[in-house]
Amino acid sequence: MFVYFAFGIGILIMIGAGVLAWKNSKIIAEQKKQPGPRPIHYTYTVQVTSRLDEEENSRFTPIYRISYEDPQGTMYAYLGRVTGERELKLSEATGIMETKLADVLAKGRLKAASPVMEAVIGEEEKEAVARLDHKLNASGGAGQWMT
């Protein structure tokens, strides 16, 4: 008796999965029919380096940058948008940059920090930059980029 019951439940689950797959394929087909550009999904990263490197890089676009003194010399940290690679969500990368900024501020080593506003796109990036600027301003840190 139990075997028939389990078999019946299994059949219902398989039918449900089939219906969901069919609906999903219809939604995808409709999205492909819509004209216009497809949305690009960006990922983000935090890059820490000992050299100032802001040359054109088609895969990495900095949206926030800090420079600070380190025992190894001047260091640079960039929060940037990455295309073509699997990296972090913006909130995760912003959290890492916030931690880095807080650490540098706590040690009194910050030289400069600023957003790269011409590279910022979308509300989510504007909010991330504002979050970093708020942390910077709340601590009374430097707000100008010096080359």
Foldseek 3Di string as FASTA:
>chain_A
DVVVVVVVVVVVVVVVVVVVVVVVVVVVVVVVPDDDDDDDDWFKAKDKAPDDDQPDDPFWDFFKKWWWQDPVGIMMITITIGPPDDDHHSVVRLVVVLVVVVVRLVVVTTDEIETPVVRDDDPVSVVSRVVSVVSCVVSVHHYDDDD
